[in-house]
N, C-alpha and C. Protein backbone atom coordinates (compact mmCIF):
# COMPACT_ATOMS: atom_id res chain seq x y z
N MET A 1 -23.64 -10.51 -31.54
CA MET A 1 -23.57 -9.29 -31.12
C MET A 1 -23.45 -9.47 -29.46
N GLY A 2 -23.69 -11.10 -28.97
CA GLY A 2 -23.59 -11.23 -27.70
C GLY A 2 -22.09 -11.11 -27.20
N PHE A 3 -21.20 -11.39 -28.04
CA PHE A 3 -20.15 -10.93 -27.27
C PHE A 3 -19.38 -9.37 -27.43
N LEU A 4 -20.13 -8.69 -28.53
CA LEU A 4 -19.99 -7.54 -28.37
C LEU A 4 -20.62 -6.86 -27.11
N SER A 5 -21.75 -6.93 -26.57
CA SER A 5 -22.22 -6.61 -25.88
C SER A 5 -22.18 -6.97 -24.23
N SER A 6 -21.25 -8.56 -24.29
CA SER A 6 -20.53 -8.23 -22.73
C SER A 6 -19.78 -7.26 -23.10
N ALA A 7 -18.43 -7.72 -24.15
CA ALA A 7 -17.09 -6.48 -24.08
C ALA A 7 -17.36 -5.36 -23.83
N GLN A 8 -18.64 -4.66 -24.32
CA GLN A 8 -18.99 -3.79 -24.14
C GLN A 8 -19.41 -3.40 -21.99
N ALA A 9 -20.03 -4.28 -21.93
CA ALA A 9 -20.28 -4.23 -20.24
C ALA A 9 -19.05 -4.71 -19.35
N LEU A 10 -18.21 -5.37 -20.12
CA LEU A 10 -16.80 -5.24 -19.24
C LEU A 10 -16.22 -4.40 -19.23
N VAL A 11 -16.34 -3.63 -20.22
CA VAL A 11 -15.46 -2.57 -20.13
C VAL A 11 -16.19 -1.15 -19.05
N PHE A 12 -17.15 -1.15 -19.15
CA PHE A 12 -18.43 0.26 -18.89
C PHE A 12 -18.23 -0.70 -17.37
N LEU A 13 -17.66 -1.66 -16.64
CA LEU A 13 -17.64 -1.96 -14.99
C LEU A 13 -16.30 -1.49 -15.06
N ALA A 14 -15.31 -1.91 -15.63
CA ALA A 14 -14.09 -1.57 -15.38
C ALA A 14 -13.98 -0.20 -15.20
N LEU A 15 -14.46 1.08 -16.11
CA LEU A 15 -14.59 2.36 -16.02
C LEU A 15 -15.19 2.71 -14.53
N SER A 16 -16.34 2.21 -14.60
CA SER A 16 -17.20 2.62 -13.11
C SER A 16 -16.54 2.20 -11.88
N LEU A 17 -15.29 0.98 -11.91
CA LEU A 17 -14.84 0.93 -10.63
C LEU A 17 -13.31 1.96 -10.43
N LEU A 18 -13.06 2.17 -11.95
CA LEU A 18 -11.97 3.17 -11.65
C LEU A 18 -12.13 4.49 -11.09
N VAL A 19 -13.54 4.69 -11.39
CA VAL A 19 -14.26 6.09 -11.06
C VAL A 19 -14.63 5.68 -9.68
N LEU A 20 -14.62 4.80 -9.03
CA LEU A 20 -14.97 4.67 -7.70
C LEU A 20 -13.65 4.49 -6.75
N GLY A 21 -12.47 4.14 -7.65
CA GLY A 21 -11.56 4.10 -6.68
C GLY A 21 -11.00 5.23 -6.38
N LEU A 22 -11.10 6.07 -7.65
CA LEU A 22 -10.58 7.77 -7.55
C LEU A 22 -11.36 8.22 -6.75
N CYS A 23 -13.05 7.97 -6.56
CA CYS A 23 -13.32 8.69 -5.38
C CYS A 23 -13.25 8.48 -3.92
N VAL A 24 -12.75 7.11 -3.76
CA VAL A 24 -12.15 6.55 -2.46
C VAL A 24 -11.02 7.34 -2.25
N VAL A 25 -10.30 7.14 -3.21
CA VAL A 25 -8.48 7.95 -2.81
C VAL A 25 -8.45 9.40 -2.34
N ALA A 26 -9.66 9.93 -2.91
CA ALA A 26 -9.60 11.39 -3.16
C ALA A 26 -10.44 11.54 -1.87
N LEU A 27 -11.29 10.86 -1.27
CA LEU A 27 -12.14 10.93 0.00
C LEU A 27 -11.56 10.50 1.25
N VAL A 28 -10.05 9.31 1.16
CA VAL A 28 -9.56 8.97 2.09
C VAL A 28 -8.54 10.18 2.34
N ASP A 29 -7.63 10.46 1.50
CA ASP A 29 -6.84 11.71 1.51
C ASP A 29 -7.84 12.83 2.10
N ALA A 30 -8.61 13.45 1.92
CA ALA A 30 -9.21 14.47 2.37
C ALA A 30 -9.46 14.38 3.44
N ALA A 31 -9.64 13.30 3.90
CA ALA A 31 -9.97 12.85 5.36
C ALA A 31 -8.69 12.57 6.45
N ARG A 32 -7.87 12.78 5.98
CA ARG A 32 -6.26 12.48 6.54
C ARG A 32 -6.07 13.82 6.71
N ARG A 33 -6.17 14.61 5.97
CA ARG A 33 -5.72 16.39 5.77
C ARG A 33 -6.22 17.00 7.06
N PRO A 34 -5.07 17.61 7.90
CA PRO A 34 -6.09 18.50 8.91
C PRO A 34 -6.48 19.46 8.06
N ALA A 35 -7.82 20.02 9.23
CA ALA A 35 -9.03 20.78 8.43
C ALA A 35 -8.07 22.66 8.47
N SER A 36 -7.32 22.68 9.16
CA SER A 36 -6.52 23.74 9.55
C SER A 36 -5.80 24.32 7.56
N ALA A 37 -5.31 22.56 6.77
CA ALA A 37 -4.72 23.06 5.62
C ALA A 37 -5.31 23.59 4.81
N PHE A 38 -6.65 23.15 4.84
CA PHE A 38 -7.52 23.50 3.40
C PHE A 38 -7.78 25.18 3.76
N THR A 39 -7.94 25.93 4.75
CA THR A 39 -8.22 27.46 4.71
C THR A 39 -6.56 27.95 4.84
N ALA A 40 -5.72 27.09 4.84
CA ALA A 40 -4.13 27.69 4.91
C ALA A 40 -3.72 27.95 3.09
N GLY A 41 -4.17 26.54 2.10
CA GLY A 41 -4.36 26.35 1.12
C GLY A 41 -5.15 27.65 0.65
N GLY A 42 -6.13 28.35 1.00
CA GLY A 42 -6.78 29.34 0.14
C GLY A 42 -8.12 28.35 -0.15
N LYS A 43 -8.19 27.41 -0.13
CA LYS A 43 -9.28 26.32 -0.52
C LYS A 43 -10.55 26.48 0.28
N ARG A 44 -11.93 25.48 -0.07
CA ARG A 44 -12.82 25.64 0.70
C ARG A 44 -12.26 24.64 2.07
N THR A 45 -13.60 24.64 2.90
CA THR A 45 -13.19 23.66 3.78
C THR A 45 -13.37 22.25 3.97
N LYS A 46 -12.61 22.16 4.84
CA LYS A 46 -12.26 20.20 4.83
C LYS A 46 -13.62 19.89 4.87
N ASN A 47 -15.11 20.26 5.73
CA ASN A 47 -16.05 19.57 5.64
C ASN A 47 -16.67 19.49 4.59
N PHE A 48 -16.54 20.52 3.48
CA PHE A 48 -17.00 21.06 2.49
C PHE A 48 -16.45 19.54 1.44
N TRP A 49 -15.38 19.52 1.25
CA TRP A 49 -14.81 18.52 0.26
C TRP A 49 -15.04 17.35 0.56
N LEU A 50 -15.38 17.13 2.40
CA LEU A 50 -15.33 15.58 2.71
C LEU A 50 -16.96 15.43 2.15
N ALA A 51 -17.81 16.45 2.41
CA ALA A 51 -19.51 16.31 1.66
C ALA A 51 -19.25 15.82 0.39
N VAL A 52 -18.71 16.70 -0.29
CA VAL A 52 -18.61 16.62 -1.91
C VAL A 52 -18.14 15.29 -2.34
N LEU A 53 -16.92 14.86 -1.46
CA LEU A 53 -16.21 13.72 -2.17
C LEU A 53 -17.18 12.50 -1.48
N GLY A 54 -17.93 12.42 -0.14
CA GLY A 54 -18.74 11.68 0.10
C GLY A 54 -19.92 11.21 -0.60
N VAL A 55 -20.13 12.43 -0.98
CA VAL A 55 -21.49 12.09 -1.84
C VAL A 55 -20.97 11.41 -3.50
N SER A 56 -19.95 12.06 -3.68
CA SER A 56 -19.04 11.34 -5.11
C SER A 56 -19.16 10.24 -4.91
N THR A 57 -18.14 9.49 -3.76
CA THR A 57 -18.32 8.34 -3.84
C THR A 57 -19.50 7.12 -3.38
N ALA A 58 -20.43 8.14 -3.07
CA ALA A 58 -21.84 7.48 -3.00
C ALA A 58 -22.14 6.84 -3.92
N ILE A 59 -22.52 7.85 -4.81
CA ILE A 59 -22.89 7.96 -6.49
C ILE A 59 -21.74 6.67 -7.23
N ALA A 60 -20.78 6.96 -7.16
CA ALA A 60 -19.84 6.15 -8.02
C ALA A 60 -19.66 4.75 -7.59
N PHE A 61 -20.31 4.30 -5.92
CA PHE A 61 -21.03 3.15 -5.56
C PHE A 61 -21.95 2.32 -6.23
N ILE A 62 -23.40 3.22 -6.17
CA ILE A 62 -24.52 3.09 -7.02
C ILE A 62 -23.99 2.78 -7.98
N GLY A 63 -23.51 3.36 -9.03
CA GLY A 63 -23.07 3.25 -10.29
C GLY A 63 -22.32 2.16 -10.88
N VAL A 64 -21.90 1.51 -10.02
CA VAL A 64 -20.39 0.44 -10.30
C VAL A 64 -21.54 -0.64 -11.09
N GLY A 65 -22.15 -0.41 -12.51
CA GLY A 65 -22.12 -1.35 -13.25
C GLY A 65 -23.85 -1.25 -13.55
N ASN A 66 -24.09 -0.30 -13.44
CA ASN A 66 -25.25 0.75 -13.65
C ASN A 66 -24.99 1.75 -14.60
N SER A 67 -25.75 1.53 -15.91
CA SER A 67 -25.41 2.19 -16.88
C SER A 67 -26.59 3.55 -16.76
N GLY A 68 -27.29 3.92 -16.02
CA GLY A 68 -28.56 4.69 -15.69
C GLY A 68 -27.72 5.75 -14.82
N PHE A 69 -26.66 5.62 -14.15
CA PHE A 69 -25.94 6.51 -13.16
C PHE A 69 -25.09 6.49 -14.29
N LEU A 70 -24.56 6.39 -15.36
CA LEU A 70 -23.40 7.13 -15.75
C LEU A 70 -23.23 8.53 -15.92
N PHE A 71 -23.75 9.00 -16.49
CA PHE A 71 -23.98 11.19 -16.19
C PHE A 71 -23.60 11.34 -14.69
N PHE A 72 -24.02 10.82 -13.68
CA PHE A 72 -23.66 11.45 -12.09
C PHE A 72 -22.44 10.29 -12.39
N ALA A 73 -21.82 9.15 -12.89
CA ALA A 73 -20.72 9.01 -12.38
C ALA A 73 -19.56 9.65 -13.29
N VAL A 74 -19.94 10.77 -14.10
CA VAL A 74 -18.98 11.68 -15.00
C VAL A 74 -18.49 12.55 -13.82
N ILE A 75 -19.98 12.61 -12.96
CA ILE A 75 -19.73 14.30 -12.17
C ILE A 75 -18.96 13.29 -10.81
N ALA A 76 -19.20 12.70 -10.21
CA ALA A 76 -18.65 12.22 -9.28
C ALA A 76 -16.71 11.75 -9.80
N ALA A 77 -16.38 11.47 -10.93
CA ALA A 77 -15.18 11.89 -11.39
C ALA A 77 -14.20 13.07 -11.60
N VAL A 78 -15.26 13.99 -11.65
CA VAL A 78 -14.84 15.34 -12.04
C VAL A 78 -14.40 15.87 -10.62
N ALA A 79 -15.29 15.60 -9.94
CA ALA A 79 -15.42 16.34 -8.37
C ALA A 79 -13.86 15.66 -7.92
N ALA A 80 -13.93 14.34 -8.07
CA ALA A 80 -12.61 13.46 -6.79
C ALA A 80 -11.53 14.36 -8.11
N SER A 81 -11.55 14.25 -8.96
CA SER A 81 -10.60 14.87 -10.64
C SER A 81 -10.17 16.34 -9.92
N VAL A 82 -10.88 17.42 -9.38
CA VAL A 82 -10.82 18.63 -9.36
C VAL A 82 -10.20 18.79 -7.27
N TYR A 83 -10.43 17.65 -6.85
CA TYR A 83 -10.04 17.28 -5.84
C TYR A 83 -8.13 17.18 -5.74
N LEU A 84 -8.00 16.08 -6.44
CA LEU A 84 -6.79 15.37 -6.14
C LEU A 84 -5.74 16.20 -7.31
N VAL A 85 -6.45 16.80 -8.23
CA VAL A 85 -5.39 17.91 -9.09
C VAL A 85 -5.16 19.20 -8.67
N ASP A 86 -6.37 19.90 -7.80
CA ASP A 86 -6.26 21.23 -8.09
C ASP A 86 -5.97 21.98 -6.22
N VAL A 87 -7.09 21.06 -5.06
CA VAL A 87 -7.10 21.21 -3.73
C VAL A 87 -5.70 20.40 -3.11
N LYS A 88 -5.57 19.23 -3.42
CA LYS A 88 -4.39 18.12 -2.58
C LYS A 88 -3.43 18.92 -3.21
N PRO A 89 -2.68 19.69 -4.35
CA PRO A 89 -1.23 20.06 -4.39
C PRO A 89 -1.45 21.54 -3.61
N ALA A 90 -2.43 22.41 -3.28
CA ALA A 90 -2.43 23.54 -2.90
C ALA A 90 -2.43 23.18 -1.18
N ILE A 91 -3.03 22.15 -0.83
CA ILE A 91 -2.86 21.91 0.88
C ILE A 91 -2.02 21.39 1.36
N ALA A 92 -0.94 20.13 0.38
CA ALA A 92 0.05 19.42 0.75
C ALA A 92 1.01 20.05 1.61
N PRO A 93 1.36 21.62 1.11
CA PRO A 93 2.31 22.18 2.16
C PRO A 93 2.21 22.30 3.72
N TYR A 94 0.79 22.23 4.21
CA TYR A 94 0.31 22.83 4.88
C TYR A 94 -0.46 21.62 6.13
N SER A 95 -0.25 20.69 5.51
CA SER A 95 -0.43 19.11 6.34
C SER A 95 0.53 18.84 6.68
N GLY A 96 1.42 19.50 6.80
CA GLY A 96 2.10 18.44 8.03
C GLY A 96 3.15 17.60 8.29
N ARG A 97 3.20 16.85 6.90
CA ARG A 97 3.19 15.68 6.68
C ARG A 97 4.63 15.18 6.28
N GLY A 98 5.78 15.93 6.89
CA GLY A 98 7.36 15.42 6.41
C GLY A 98 7.44 15.81 4.96
N GLY A 99 8.52 15.82 4.71
CA GLY A 99 9.21 16.14 3.32
C GLY A 99 9.81 14.63 3.01
N SER A 100 10.13 15.18 1.59
CA SER A 100 10.50 13.92 0.56
C SER A 100 12.17 13.02 1.08
N GLY A 101 12.29 13.61 2.23
CA GLY A 101 13.72 13.09 2.24
C GLY A 101 14.85 13.83 1.57
N GLY A 102 14.48 15.08 0.67
CA GLY A 102 15.74 16.05 0.34
C GLY A 102 16.98 16.03 1.42
N PRO A 103 17.97 17.00 0.66
CA PRO A 103 18.75 17.98 1.53
C PRO A 103 17.95 18.87 2.96
N GLY A 104 18.10 18.80 4.42
CA GLY A 104 18.08 19.01 5.36
C GLY A 104 16.78 18.72 5.37
N GLY A 105 15.93 17.67 4.78
CA GLY A 105 14.46 16.80 5.47
C GLY A 105 14.81 15.48 6.06
N PRO A 106 13.55 14.91 6.21
CA PRO A 106 13.86 13.43 7.49
C PRO A 106 14.98 12.77 6.41
N GLY A 107 15.22 12.30 7.35
CA GLY A 107 16.40 11.04 6.71
C GLY A 107 17.73 11.62 7.01
N ARG A 108 18.05 12.83 7.51
CA ARG A 108 19.26 13.52 7.41
C ARG A 108 19.79 12.73 9.04
N TRP A 109 21.07 13.05 9.02
CA TRP A 109 21.56 12.93 10.57
C TRP A 109 21.70 14.09 11.26
């Protein structure tokens, strides 16, 4: 049983670190976007998303290796996923970050 318990602990640690990484990526991305992009994209304000993602990141950090925070880690992962899947694509055109280098984009002479 010791091996199984150790394997489960390692899997849980890896998943909780994955959730923390997801939250950090979402928080950093939201912090780098201009506030006007959020309203132009029809989403909640930048401060709202920074607060949600900041709390999510803090919960994910506290929950690393702590199985008592599993439910809260899931909520943190959902919040970060909603930002990355729904909000980020909606505000990307308004972020003023250059194009992909395609025709007429950066990299042309």
